[in-house]
């Protein structure tokens, strides 16, 4: 495994485990609108290293494990770091935008950063497939990516957990923009995939404008 990827997974796991058993630590570094607007901007980054439970942590890190090698293999470790943390920041900024007046809003998870890497990988290798534990046939990666964001829309509407579903979209936008900026020719060489991956993002903003989220 690439050492940069291994480091991100290890640090995320260690900090998440700390947060599982230390509520004061968890509350200090989670994404919290009131605290961020009061000047604690570091929470926009630290919250990505906290997770709600072992399942949440495992799913995010497994997704990262699957897709990060594609980005690293295409761009190298430095660009992977830029995409990861760039997507993380995009996710936090979009969350802040959607919830800026909800001072009690809280969220945690690496979902924004991971979704950015996911989107980047799919743009780079649109024909790749995934084998998921509970589905015995290969799943096109782009369907997984689109489904991931559609599930996020459900999570944003349901508001029944502490997961930063809005960050999924910000992260997707970040990974999408950074990757296309690095390889602009995919706009013409891979137009269909570029259009397909932007559909869930458009749906989000349409629902937002309609007041459905």
N, C-alpha and C. Protein backbone atom coordinates (compact mmCIF):
# COMPACT_ATOMS: atom_id res chain seq x y z
N UNK A 1 0.84 -1.19 0.00
CA UNK A 1 0.00 0.00 0.00
C UNK A 1 0.88 1.25 0.00
N UNK A 2 0.47 2.25 -0.77
CA UNK A 2 1.20 3.51 -0.80
C UNK A 2 1.33 4.09 0.61
N UNK A 3 2.53 4.54 1.01
CA UNK A 3 2.72 5.03 2.39
C UNK A 3 1.85 6.23 2.75
N UNK A 4 1.56 7.11 1.78
CA UNK A 4 0.71 8.27 2.07
C UNK A 4 -0.71 7.80 2.36
N UNK A 5 -1.20 6.86 1.56
CA UNK A 5 -2.54 6.31 1.78
C UNK A 5 -2.59 5.59 3.12
N UNK A 6 -1.58 4.80 3.41
CA UNK A 6 -1.52 4.07 4.67
C UNK A 6 -1.51 5.03 5.85
N UNK A 7 -0.79 6.13 5.74
CA UNK A 7 -0.72 7.11 6.82
C UNK A 7 -2.08 7.75 7.07
N UNK A 8 -2.78 8.13 5.98
CA UNK A 8 -4.10 8.76 6.14
C UNK A 8 -5.08 7.79 6.80
N UNK A 9 -5.08 6.52 6.37
CA UNK A 9 -5.98 5.54 6.96
C UNK A 9 -5.63 5.30 8.43
N UNK A 10 -4.34 5.18 8.72
CA UNK A 10 -3.91 4.92 10.10
C UNK A 10 -4.25 6.07 11.03
N UNK A 11 -3.95 7.29 10.60
CA UNK A 11 -4.24 8.46 11.45
C UNK A 11 -5.74 8.61 11.67
N UNK A 12 -6.52 8.40 10.60
CA UNK A 12 -7.98 8.49 10.72
C UNK A 12 -8.51 7.45 11.69
N UNK A 13 -8.00 6.24 11.58
CA UNK A 13 -8.46 5.16 12.48
C UNK A 13 -8.10 5.46 13.93
N UNK A 14 -6.89 5.93 14.16
CA UNK A 14 -6.44 6.21 15.53
C UNK A 14 -7.27 7.32 16.16
N UNK A 15 -7.46 8.41 15.41
CA UNK A 15 -8.23 9.55 15.94
C UNK A 15 -9.69 9.16 16.13
N UNK A 16 -10.24 8.39 15.19
CA UNK A 16 -11.63 7.95 15.32
C UNK A 16 -11.82 7.09 16.57
N UNK A 17 -10.89 6.14 16.79
CA UNK A 17 -10.98 5.29 17.98
C UNK A 17 -10.90 6.12 19.25
N UNK A 18 -10.05 7.13 19.24
CA UNK A 18 -9.97 8.03 20.39
C UNK A 18 -11.31 8.70 20.64
N UNK A 19 -11.95 9.14 19.56
CA UNK A 19 -13.25 9.80 19.67
C UNK A 19 -14.37 8.88 20.12
N UNK A 20 -14.27 7.57 19.82
CA UNK A 20 -15.30 6.61 20.23
C UNK A 20 -15.47 6.58 21.75
N UNK A 21 -14.36 6.73 22.46
CA UNK A 21 -14.39 6.56 23.92
C UNK A 21 -14.16 7.85 24.70
N UNK A 22 -13.90 8.93 24.01
CA UNK A 22 -13.60 10.21 24.68
C UNK A 22 -14.54 11.28 24.13
N UNK A 23 -15.67 11.48 24.80
CA UNK A 23 -16.67 12.40 24.28
C UNK A 23 -16.17 13.84 24.25
N UNK A 24 -15.37 14.23 25.25
CA UNK A 24 -14.85 15.60 25.28
C UNK A 24 -13.96 15.86 24.07
N UNK A 25 -13.13 14.88 23.72
CA UNK A 25 -12.26 14.98 22.54
C UNK A 25 -13.11 15.05 21.28
N UNK A 26 -14.12 14.19 21.21
CA UNK A 26 -15.03 14.15 20.05
C UNK A 26 -15.71 15.50 19.85
N UNK A 27 -16.27 16.05 20.93
CA UNK A 27 -16.99 17.32 20.84
C UNK A 27 -16.06 18.48 20.50
N UNK A 28 -14.81 18.39 20.91
CA UNK A 28 -13.86 19.48 20.66
C UNK A 28 -13.49 19.61 19.20
N UNK A 29 -13.49 18.48 18.47
CA UNK A 29 -12.98 18.48 17.10
C UNK A 29 -14.03 18.16 16.03
N UNK A 30 -15.28 17.92 16.43
CA UNK A 30 -16.31 17.65 15.44
C UNK A 30 -16.68 18.93 14.67
N UNK A 31 -17.36 18.74 13.55
CA UNK A 31 -17.87 19.87 12.77
C UNK A 31 -19.09 20.40 13.51
N UNK A 32 -19.03 21.65 13.96
CA UNK A 32 -20.13 22.25 14.71
C UNK A 32 -20.27 23.70 14.25
N UNK A 33 -21.39 24.01 13.63
CA UNK A 33 -21.58 25.31 13.00
C UNK A 33 -21.35 26.46 13.99
N UNK A 34 -21.95 26.37 15.16
CA UNK A 34 -21.79 27.46 16.12
C UNK A 34 -20.35 27.72 16.47
N UNK A 35 -19.59 26.67 16.70
CA UNK A 35 -18.17 26.81 17.06
C UNK A 35 -17.35 27.33 15.90
N UNK A 36 -17.65 26.86 14.69
CA UNK A 36 -16.92 27.32 13.51
C UNK A 36 -17.17 28.80 13.27
N UNK A 37 -18.43 29.21 13.39
CA UNK A 37 -18.75 30.62 13.18
C UNK A 37 -18.19 31.50 14.30
N UNK A 38 -17.85 30.87 15.41
CA UNK A 38 -17.22 31.60 16.51
C UNK A 38 -15.70 31.68 16.34
N UNK A 39 -15.19 31.06 15.25
CA UNK A 39 -13.76 31.17 14.96
C UNK A 39 -12.97 29.87 15.00
N UNK A 40 -13.59 28.76 15.37
CA UNK A 40 -12.87 27.49 15.46
C UNK A 40 -12.87 26.79 14.09
N UNK A 41 -12.19 27.39 13.14
CA UNK A 41 -12.21 26.88 11.76
C UNK A 41 -11.48 25.55 11.61
N UNK A 42 -10.61 25.22 12.54
CA UNK A 42 -9.87 23.97 12.46
C UNK A 42 -10.81 22.76 12.45
N UNK A 43 -12.01 22.94 13.01
CA UNK A 43 -12.99 21.86 13.02
C UNK A 43 -13.39 21.43 11.62
N UNK A 44 -13.25 22.32 10.65
CA UNK A 44 -13.62 21.99 9.27
C UNK A 44 -12.69 20.94 8.69
N UNK A 45 -11.53 20.76 9.31
CA UNK A 45 -10.58 19.73 8.88
C UNK A 45 -10.57 18.56 9.86
N UNK A 46 -10.50 18.86 11.16
CA UNK A 46 -10.39 17.78 12.15
C UNK A 46 -11.61 16.86 12.16
N UNK A 47 -12.77 17.38 11.81
CA UNK A 47 -13.98 16.55 11.83
C UNK A 47 -13.89 15.38 10.85
N UNK A 48 -13.05 15.51 9.83
CA UNK A 48 -12.89 14.45 8.84
C UNK A 48 -12.14 13.25 9.41
N UNK A 49 -11.52 13.41 10.56
CA UNK A 49 -10.78 12.31 11.18
C UNK A 49 -11.57 11.65 12.31
N UNK A 50 -12.83 12.06 12.48
CA UNK A 50 -13.72 11.46 13.46
C UNK A 50 -14.83 10.70 12.74
N UNK A 51 -15.32 9.64 13.36
CA UNK A 51 -16.42 8.87 12.78
C UNK A 51 -17.40 8.47 13.87
N UNK A 52 -18.65 8.21 13.44
CA UNK A 52 -19.70 7.91 14.40
C UNK A 52 -19.57 6.55 15.05
N UNK A 53 -19.09 5.56 14.30
CA UNK A 53 -18.93 4.21 14.84
C UNK A 53 -17.99 3.44 13.93
N UNK A 54 -17.71 2.20 14.28
CA UNK A 54 -16.74 1.40 13.52
C UNK A 54 -17.22 1.13 12.10
N UNK A 55 -18.53 0.99 11.92
CA UNK A 55 -19.06 0.76 10.58
C UNK A 55 -18.85 1.95 9.67
N UNK A 56 -19.10 3.14 10.21
CA UNK A 56 -18.90 4.38 9.45
C UNK A 56 -17.43 4.53 9.06
N UNK A 57 -16.54 4.28 10.02
CA UNK A 57 -15.09 4.36 9.77
C UNK A 57 -14.68 3.32 8.72
N UNK A 58 -15.14 2.09 8.88
CA UNK A 58 -14.75 1.01 7.97
C UNK A 58 -15.20 1.30 6.54
N UNK A 59 -16.45 1.75 6.38
CA UNK A 59 -16.97 2.00 5.04
C UNK A 59 -16.18 3.10 4.33
N UNK A 60 -15.88 4.18 5.05
CA UNK A 60 -15.12 5.28 4.44
C UNK A 60 -13.71 4.85 4.08
N UNK A 61 -13.04 4.15 4.99
CA UNK A 61 -11.66 3.75 4.72
C UNK A 61 -11.58 2.65 3.66
N UNK A 62 -12.59 1.77 3.60
CA UNK A 62 -12.61 0.74 2.57
C UNK A 62 -12.80 1.39 1.20
N UNK A 63 -13.69 2.36 1.11
CA UNK A 63 -13.90 3.08 -0.15
C UNK A 63 -12.62 3.78 -0.57
N UNK A 64 -11.95 4.42 0.38
CA UNK A 64 -10.69 5.08 0.09
C UNK A 64 -9.65 4.07 -0.38
N UNK A 65 -9.59 2.92 0.27
CA UNK A 65 -8.63 1.87 -0.09
C UNK A 65 -8.84 1.39 -1.53
N UNK A 66 -10.10 1.28 -1.96
CA UNK A 66 -10.41 0.83 -3.31
C UNK A 66 -10.00 1.86 -4.37
N UNK A 67 -10.28 3.13 -4.11
CA UNK A 67 -10.18 4.14 -5.17
C UNK A 67 -8.90 4.98 -5.14
N UNK A 68 -8.29 5.14 -3.99
CA UNK A 68 -7.08 5.97 -3.91
C UNK A 68 -5.96 5.48 -4.82
N UNK A 69 -5.71 4.15 -4.95
CA UNK A 69 -4.62 3.71 -5.82
C UNK A 69 -4.78 4.16 -7.27
N UNK A 70 -6.01 4.32 -7.74
CA UNK A 70 -6.23 4.79 -9.11
C UNK A 70 -5.71 6.23 -9.25
N UNK A 71 -6.05 7.07 -8.27
CA UNK A 71 -5.62 8.46 -8.30
C UNK A 71 -4.11 8.56 -8.14
N UNK A 72 -3.56 7.80 -7.20
CA UNK A 72 -2.11 7.82 -6.96
C UNK A 72 -1.37 7.31 -8.19
N UNK A 73 -1.88 6.25 -8.81
CA UNK A 73 -1.24 5.69 -9.99
C UNK A 73 -1.25 6.64 -11.17
N UNK A 74 -2.27 7.49 -11.26
CA UNK A 74 -2.40 8.42 -12.38
C UNK A 74 -1.66 9.74 -12.13
N UNK A 75 -1.73 10.24 -10.89
CA UNK A 75 -1.22 11.58 -10.59
C UNK A 75 -0.01 11.61 -9.66
N UNK A 76 0.19 10.54 -8.87
CA UNK A 76 1.24 10.55 -7.87
C UNK A 76 0.71 10.94 -6.50
N UNK A 77 1.54 10.76 -5.48
CA UNK A 77 1.13 10.96 -4.09
C UNK A 77 0.79 12.41 -3.78
N UNK A 78 1.57 13.36 -4.30
CA UNK A 78 1.33 14.77 -3.99
C UNK A 78 -0.04 15.21 -4.49
N UNK A 79 -0.36 14.86 -5.73
CA UNK A 79 -1.66 15.24 -6.28
C UNK A 79 -2.80 14.54 -5.56
N UNK A 80 -2.55 13.30 -5.11
CA UNK A 80 -3.55 12.59 -4.32
C UNK A 80 -3.85 13.36 -3.03
N UNK A 81 -2.80 13.84 -2.37
CA UNK A 81 -2.98 14.62 -1.14
C UNK A 81 -3.79 15.88 -1.44
N UNK A 82 -3.48 16.54 -2.56
CA UNK A 82 -4.21 17.76 -2.94
C UNK A 82 -5.68 17.45 -3.17
N UNK A 83 -5.97 16.36 -3.87
CA UNK A 83 -7.36 15.98 -4.13
C UNK A 83 -8.07 15.59 -2.84
N UNK A 84 -7.39 14.84 -1.98
CA UNK A 84 -8.00 14.39 -0.72
C UNK A 84 -8.37 15.58 0.17
N UNK A 85 -7.39 16.43 0.44
CA UNK A 85 -7.64 17.54 1.35
C UNK A 85 -8.42 18.67 0.66
N UNK A 86 -8.25 18.81 -0.65
CA UNK A 86 -9.06 19.77 -1.39
C UNK A 86 -10.53 19.39 -1.34
N UNK A 87 -10.82 18.11 -1.50
CA UNK A 87 -12.19 17.62 -1.43
C UNK A 87 -12.74 17.75 -0.02
N UNK A 88 -11.89 17.49 0.96
CA UNK A 88 -12.29 17.64 2.37
C UNK A 88 -12.76 19.08 2.62
N UNK A 89 -11.97 20.04 2.15
CA UNK A 89 -12.29 21.45 2.36
C UNK A 89 -13.55 21.85 1.59
N UNK A 90 -13.66 21.38 0.34
CA UNK A 90 -14.88 21.65 -0.43
C UNK A 90 -16.10 21.13 0.33
N UNK A 91 -15.98 19.93 0.89
CA UNK A 91 -17.09 19.33 1.63
C UNK A 91 -17.48 20.16 2.85
N UNK A 92 -16.48 20.62 3.58
CA UNK A 92 -16.76 21.44 4.76
C UNK A 92 -17.37 22.78 4.38
N UNK A 93 -16.88 23.37 3.31
CA UNK A 93 -17.41 24.67 2.88
C UNK A 93 -18.85 24.55 2.41
N UNK A 94 -19.16 23.47 1.69
CA UNK A 94 -20.55 23.30 1.24
C UNK A 94 -21.47 23.06 2.43
N UNK A 95 -20.99 22.29 3.40
CA UNK A 95 -21.77 22.05 4.60
C UNK A 95 -22.03 23.36 5.35
N UNK A 96 -21.00 24.18 5.44
CA UNK A 96 -21.14 25.48 6.10
C UNK A 96 -22.15 26.35 5.35
N UNK A 97 -22.11 26.27 4.03
CA UNK A 97 -23.04 27.05 3.20
C UNK A 97 -24.49 26.62 3.44
N UNK A 98 -24.73 25.31 3.45
CA UNK A 98 -26.10 24.80 3.59
C UNK A 98 -26.64 24.99 5.01
N UNK A 99 -25.77 24.97 6.00
CA UNK A 99 -26.23 24.96 7.39
C UNK A 99 -25.75 26.16 8.19
N UNK A 100 -25.36 27.23 7.51
CA UNK A 100 -24.73 28.36 8.20
C UNK A 100 -25.60 28.98 9.28
N UNK A 101 -26.90 28.85 9.17
CA UNK A 101 -27.79 29.44 10.17
C UNK A 101 -28.30 28.43 11.20
N UNK A 102 -27.85 27.20 11.06
CA UNK A 102 -28.22 26.15 12.01
C UNK A 102 -27.05 25.97 12.98
N UNK A 103 -27.03 26.78 14.01
CA UNK A 103 -25.87 26.85 14.90
C UNK A 103 -25.64 25.54 15.66
N UNK A 104 -26.64 24.67 15.73
CA UNK A 104 -26.49 23.41 16.47
C UNK A 104 -26.10 22.24 15.55
N UNK A 105 -25.95 22.52 14.26
CA UNK A 105 -25.65 21.44 13.32
C UNK A 105 -24.27 20.85 13.60
N UNK A 106 -24.21 19.52 13.66
CA UNK A 106 -22.96 18.81 13.92
C UNK A 106 -22.78 17.71 12.87
N UNK A 107 -21.53 17.41 12.54
CA UNK A 107 -21.26 16.32 11.59
C UNK A 107 -19.83 15.86 11.75
N UNK A 108 -19.60 14.63 11.35
CA UNK A 108 -18.23 14.08 11.38
C UNK A 108 -18.06 13.11 10.21
N UNK A 109 -16.81 12.77 9.92
CA UNK A 109 -16.53 11.76 8.92
C UNK A 109 -15.68 12.24 7.76
N UNK A 110 -14.96 11.31 7.17
CA UNK A 110 -14.09 11.60 6.03
C UNK A 110 -14.82 11.52 4.71
N UNK A 111 -16.16 11.51 4.76
CA UNK A 111 -16.96 11.28 3.56
C UNK A 111 -16.66 12.26 2.43
N UNK A 112 -16.47 13.54 2.76
CA UNK A 112 -16.19 14.53 1.73
C UNK A 112 -14.91 14.24 0.99
N UNK A 113 -13.84 14.00 1.76
CA UNK A 113 -12.55 13.70 1.15
C UNK A 113 -12.60 12.41 0.35
N UNK A 114 -13.24 11.39 0.91
CA UNK A 114 -13.31 10.08 0.24
C UNK A 114 -14.14 10.17 -1.04
N UNK A 115 -15.23 10.89 -1.00
CA UNK A 115 -16.06 11.02 -2.19
C UNK A 115 -15.32 11.77 -3.29
N UNK A 116 -14.51 12.75 -2.92
CA UNK A 116 -13.68 13.45 -3.90
C UNK A 116 -12.72 12.52 -4.60
N UNK A 117 -12.08 11.64 -3.82
CA UNK A 117 -11.16 10.64 -4.39
C UNK A 117 -11.94 9.66 -5.26
N UNK A 118 -13.11 9.24 -4.79
CA UNK A 118 -13.97 8.34 -5.56
C UNK A 118 -14.31 8.94 -6.92
N UNK A 119 -14.74 10.19 -6.93
CA UNK A 119 -15.11 10.84 -8.18
C UNK A 119 -13.90 11.01 -9.10
N UNK A 120 -12.78 11.35 -8.52
CA UNK A 120 -11.56 11.50 -9.31
C UNK A 120 -11.18 10.18 -9.98
N UNK A 121 -11.24 9.09 -9.20
CA UNK A 121 -10.88 7.77 -9.73
C UNK A 121 -11.82 7.34 -10.85
N UNK A 122 -13.10 7.61 -10.69
CA UNK A 122 -14.06 7.21 -11.72
C UNK A 122 -13.84 8.01 -13.01
N UNK A 123 -13.53 9.28 -12.87
CA UNK A 123 -13.22 10.09 -14.05
C UNK A 123 -11.98 9.57 -14.76
N UNK A 124 -11.02 9.10 -14.00
CA UNK A 124 -9.76 8.63 -14.57
C UNK A 124 -9.90 7.24 -15.18
N UNK A 125 -10.72 6.38 -14.57
CA UNK A 125 -10.93 5.02 -15.07
C UNK A 125 -12.42 4.71 -15.08
N UNK A 126 -13.15 5.28 -16.02
CA UNK A 126 -14.61 5.13 -16.03
C UNK A 126 -15.11 3.71 -16.27
N UNK A 127 -14.24 2.84 -16.77
CA UNK A 127 -14.67 1.48 -17.08
C UNK A 127 -14.40 0.49 -15.96
N UNK A 128 -13.85 0.94 -14.84
CA UNK A 128 -13.53 -0.01 -13.78
C UNK A 128 -14.80 -0.47 -13.06
N UNK A 129 -14.70 -1.64 -12.43
CA UNK A 129 -15.84 -2.22 -11.73
C UNK A 129 -15.44 -2.58 -10.31
N UNK A 130 -16.45 -2.73 -9.45
CA UNK A 130 -16.23 -3.11 -8.06
C UNK A 130 -16.94 -4.43 -7.77
N UNK A 131 -16.35 -5.21 -6.87
CA UNK A 131 -17.01 -6.41 -6.36
C UNK A 131 -17.32 -6.16 -4.89
N UNK A 132 -18.59 -5.97 -4.58
CA UNK A 132 -18.99 -5.72 -3.20
C UNK A 132 -19.35 -7.04 -2.51
N UNK A 133 -19.17 -7.07 -1.19
CA UNK A 133 -19.34 -8.31 -0.44
C UNK A 133 -20.71 -8.94 -0.64
N UNK A 134 -21.75 -8.09 -0.69
CA UNK A 134 -23.11 -8.61 -0.70
C UNK A 134 -23.71 -8.70 -2.10
N UNK A 135 -22.93 -8.36 -3.14
CA UNK A 135 -23.42 -8.46 -4.52
C UNK A 135 -22.39 -9.28 -5.32
N UNK A 136 -22.76 -10.46 -5.82
CA UNK A 136 -21.80 -11.38 -6.43
C UNK A 136 -21.41 -11.03 -7.87
N UNK A 137 -21.87 -9.90 -8.38
CA UNK A 137 -21.53 -9.52 -9.75
C UNK A 137 -20.80 -8.17 -9.74
N UNK A 138 -19.96 -7.90 -10.73
CA UNK A 138 -19.23 -6.62 -10.75
C UNK A 138 -20.19 -5.45 -10.93
N UNK A 139 -19.94 -4.38 -10.19
CA UNK A 139 -20.75 -3.17 -10.25
C UNK A 139 -19.92 -2.07 -10.91
N UNK A 140 -20.40 -1.46 -12.00
CA UNK A 140 -19.65 -0.35 -12.60
C UNK A 140 -19.39 0.74 -11.56
N UNK A 141 -18.17 1.22 -11.50
CA UNK A 141 -17.79 2.17 -10.46
C UNK A 141 -18.62 3.45 -10.52
N UNK A 142 -18.98 3.87 -11.73
CA UNK A 142 -19.74 5.11 -11.83
C UNK A 142 -21.12 4.97 -11.21
N UNK A 143 -21.71 3.74 -11.28
CA UNK A 143 -23.01 3.51 -10.65
C UNK A 143 -22.87 3.57 -9.13
N UNK A 144 -21.77 3.03 -8.62
CA UNK A 144 -21.51 3.11 -7.20
C UNK A 144 -21.40 4.56 -6.75
N UNK A 145 -20.66 5.36 -7.54
CA UNK A 145 -20.47 6.77 -7.21
C UNK A 145 -21.77 7.54 -7.21
N UNK A 146 -22.58 7.33 -8.23
CA UNK A 146 -23.86 8.02 -8.33
C UNK A 146 -24.79 7.56 -7.20
N UNK A 147 -24.81 6.25 -6.94
CA UNK A 147 -25.65 5.73 -5.87
C UNK A 147 -25.24 6.25 -4.51
N UNK A 148 -23.94 6.42 -4.31
CA UNK A 148 -23.40 6.94 -3.06
C UNK A 148 -23.94 8.34 -2.79
N UNK A 149 -23.99 9.16 -3.83
CA UNK A 149 -24.49 10.52 -3.65
C UNK A 149 -26.01 10.56 -3.52
N UNK A 150 -26.70 9.68 -4.23
CA UNK A 150 -28.15 9.63 -4.09
C UNK A 150 -28.54 9.19 -2.67
N UNK A 151 -27.77 8.26 -2.11
CA UNK A 151 -27.98 7.87 -0.72
C UNK A 151 -27.73 9.06 0.20
N UNK A 152 -26.78 9.88 -0.16
CA UNK A 152 -26.47 11.07 0.64
C UNK A 152 -27.64 12.04 0.64
N UNK A 153 -28.32 12.16 -0.49
CA UNK A 153 -29.51 13.01 -0.55
C UNK A 153 -30.55 12.50 0.44
N UNK A 154 -30.73 11.18 0.47
CA UNK A 154 -31.66 10.58 1.43
C UNK A 154 -31.25 10.92 2.86
N UNK A 155 -29.95 10.80 3.15
CA UNK A 155 -29.45 11.09 4.48
C UNK A 155 -29.66 12.54 4.87
N UNK A 156 -29.48 13.44 3.91
CA UNK A 156 -29.69 14.87 4.18
C UNK A 156 -31.16 15.15 4.48
N UNK A 157 -32.05 14.46 3.78
CA UNK A 157 -33.48 14.68 3.99
C UNK A 157 -33.94 14.03 5.30
N UNK A 158 -33.43 12.83 5.60
CA UNK A 158 -33.87 12.09 6.78
C UNK A 158 -33.37 12.74 8.07
N UNK A 159 -32.13 13.23 8.06
CA UNK A 159 -31.53 13.89 9.23
C UNK A 159 -31.64 13.03 10.48
N UNK A 160 -31.33 11.73 10.32
CA UNK A 160 -31.48 10.82 11.45
C UNK A 160 -30.15 10.24 11.93
N UNK A 161 -29.03 10.89 11.54
CA UNK A 161 -27.74 10.43 12.03
C UNK A 161 -26.81 11.63 12.17
N UNK A 162 -25.57 11.37 12.54
CA UNK A 162 -24.60 12.45 12.76
C UNK A 162 -23.55 12.46 11.65
N UNK A 163 -23.90 11.90 10.51
CA UNK A 163 -22.96 11.79 9.39
C UNK A 163 -23.09 13.02 8.48
N UNK A 164 -21.95 13.53 8.01
CA UNK A 164 -21.96 14.73 7.18
C UNK A 164 -22.31 14.46 5.74
N UNK A 165 -23.59 14.15 5.48
CA UNK A 165 -24.00 13.80 4.12
C UNK A 165 -23.78 14.96 3.14
N UNK A 166 -23.97 16.19 3.60
CA UNK A 166 -23.75 17.33 2.72
C UNK A 166 -22.31 17.37 2.24
N UNK A 167 -21.40 16.93 3.10
CA UNK A 167 -19.98 16.94 2.74
C UNK A 167 -19.68 16.00 1.58
N UNK A 168 -20.51 14.96 1.40
CA UNK A 168 -20.31 14.06 0.26
C UNK A 168 -20.33 14.86 -1.04
N UNK A 169 -21.29 15.76 -1.12
CA UNK A 169 -21.45 16.54 -2.34
C UNK A 169 -20.33 17.54 -2.53
N UNK A 170 -19.96 18.21 -1.44
CA UNK A 170 -18.84 19.15 -1.55
C UNK A 170 -17.58 18.44 -1.96
N UNK A 171 -17.37 17.25 -1.38
CA UNK A 171 -16.19 16.47 -1.74
C UNK A 171 -16.22 16.03 -3.19
N UNK A 172 -17.39 15.58 -3.64
CA UNK A 172 -17.54 15.17 -5.05
C UNK A 172 -17.23 16.33 -5.98
N UNK A 173 -17.75 17.51 -5.63
CA UNK A 173 -17.48 18.70 -6.45
C UNK A 173 -15.99 19.00 -6.46
N UNK A 174 -15.35 18.90 -5.29
CA UNK A 174 -13.91 19.15 -5.22
C UNK A 174 -13.11 18.19 -6.07
N UNK A 175 -13.37 16.88 -5.90
CA UNK A 175 -12.64 15.89 -6.69
C UNK A 175 -12.90 16.03 -8.17
N UNK A 176 -14.13 16.35 -8.51
CA UNK A 176 -14.56 16.53 -9.90
C UNK A 176 -13.80 17.70 -10.53
N UNK A 177 -13.81 18.85 -9.86
CA UNK A 177 -13.19 20.06 -10.42
C UNK A 177 -11.67 19.92 -10.50
N UNK A 178 -11.06 19.41 -9.43
CA UNK A 178 -9.59 19.31 -9.41
C UNK A 178 -9.11 18.35 -10.48
N UNK A 179 -9.81 17.22 -10.64
CA UNK A 179 -9.40 16.22 -11.63
C UNK A 179 -9.53 16.76 -13.05
N UNK A 180 -10.66 17.41 -13.33
CA UNK A 180 -10.85 17.96 -14.68
C UNK A 180 -9.85 19.08 -14.94
N UNK A 181 -9.53 19.85 -13.90
CA UNK A 181 -8.53 20.92 -14.06
C UNK A 181 -7.17 20.34 -14.40
N UNK A 182 -6.86 19.16 -13.86
CA UNK A 182 -5.58 18.52 -14.16
C UNK A 182 -5.59 17.82 -15.51
N UNK A 183 -6.76 17.31 -15.92
CA UNK A 183 -6.86 16.61 -17.21
C UNK A 183 -8.07 17.16 -17.97
N UNK A 184 -8.00 18.39 -18.48
CA UNK A 184 -9.15 19.02 -19.13
C UNK A 184 -9.62 18.30 -20.38
N UNK A 185 -8.76 17.48 -20.98
CA UNK A 185 -9.13 16.78 -22.21
C UNK A 185 -10.25 15.76 -21.98
N UNK A 186 -10.47 15.38 -20.71
CA UNK A 186 -11.54 14.40 -20.47
C UNK A 186 -12.92 15.00 -20.74
N UNK A 187 -13.03 16.31 -20.80
CA UNK A 187 -14.30 16.94 -21.16
C UNK A 187 -14.74 16.53 -22.55
N UNK A 188 -13.78 16.28 -23.43
CA UNK A 188 -14.10 15.84 -24.78
C UNK A 188 -13.88 14.34 -24.97
N UNK A 189 -12.90 13.78 -24.26
CA UNK A 189 -12.59 12.36 -24.42
C UNK A 189 -13.52 11.46 -23.61
N UNK A 190 -14.10 12.01 -22.56
CA UNK A 190 -14.91 11.21 -21.64
C UNK A 190 -16.18 11.97 -21.26
N UNK A 191 -16.80 12.57 -22.27
CA UNK A 191 -17.93 13.47 -22.04
C UNK A 191 -19.08 12.79 -21.31
N UNK A 192 -19.42 11.57 -21.67
CA UNK A 192 -20.56 10.88 -21.06
C UNK A 192 -20.36 10.73 -19.55
N UNK A 193 -19.18 10.30 -19.14
CA UNK A 193 -18.93 10.10 -17.71
C UNK A 193 -18.92 11.43 -16.97
N UNK A 194 -18.37 12.46 -17.60
CA UNK A 194 -18.36 13.79 -17.00
C UNK A 194 -19.79 14.26 -16.74
N UNK A 195 -20.68 13.99 -17.69
CA UNK A 195 -22.09 14.40 -17.55
C UNK A 195 -22.80 13.55 -16.51
N UNK A 196 -22.60 12.22 -16.55
CA UNK A 196 -23.28 11.32 -15.61
C UNK A 196 -22.94 11.66 -14.16
N UNK A 197 -21.68 11.94 -13.91
CA UNK A 197 -21.25 12.17 -12.53
C UNK A 197 -21.72 13.52 -11.98
N UNK A 198 -22.07 14.43 -12.86
CA UNK A 198 -22.54 15.73 -12.38
C UNK A 198 -24.05 15.72 -12.08
N UNK A 199 -24.76 14.68 -12.55
CA UNK A 199 -26.22 14.63 -12.37
C UNK A 199 -26.64 14.66 -10.90
N UNK A 200 -26.06 13.82 -10.00
CA UNK A 200 -26.48 13.90 -8.59
C UNK A 200 -26.21 15.27 -7.97
N UNK A 201 -25.13 15.91 -8.40
CA UNK A 201 -24.81 17.24 -7.87
C UNK A 201 -25.88 18.25 -8.30
N UNK A 202 -26.33 18.15 -9.55
CA UNK A 202 -27.39 19.03 -10.04
C UNK A 202 -28.69 18.77 -9.28
N UNK A 203 -29.00 17.47 -9.05
CA UNK A 203 -30.21 17.12 -8.31
C UNK A 203 -30.19 17.75 -6.93
N UNK A 204 -29.05 17.71 -6.27
CA UNK A 204 -28.93 18.31 -4.94
C UNK A 204 -29.30 19.78 -4.96
N UNK A 205 -28.72 20.54 -5.89
CA UNK A 205 -28.97 21.97 -5.91
C UNK A 205 -30.39 22.31 -6.36
N UNK A 206 -30.97 21.47 -7.22
CA UNK A 206 -32.37 21.68 -7.61
C UNK A 206 -33.28 21.47 -6.40
N UNK A 207 -33.04 20.38 -5.65
CA UNK A 207 -33.84 20.12 -4.45
C UNK A 207 -33.67 21.21 -3.41
N UNK A 208 -32.46 21.73 -3.34
CA UNK A 208 -32.19 22.83 -2.40
C UNK A 208 -32.97 24.07 -2.77
N UNK A 209 -32.95 24.41 -4.05
CA UNK A 209 -33.69 25.57 -4.51
C UNK A 209 -35.19 25.43 -4.32
N UNK A 210 -35.66 24.17 -4.40
CA UNK A 210 -37.09 23.91 -4.21
C UNK A 210 -37.48 23.84 -2.73
N UNK A 211 -36.46 23.91 -1.87
CA UNK A 211 -36.72 23.84 -0.43
C UNK A 211 -37.01 22.43 0.06
N UNK A 212 -36.57 21.41 -0.70
CA UNK A 212 -36.84 20.03 -0.33
C UNK A 212 -35.77 19.47 0.60
N UNK A 213 -34.65 20.21 0.74
CA UNK A 213 -33.57 19.76 1.64
C UNK A 213 -33.25 20.88 2.62
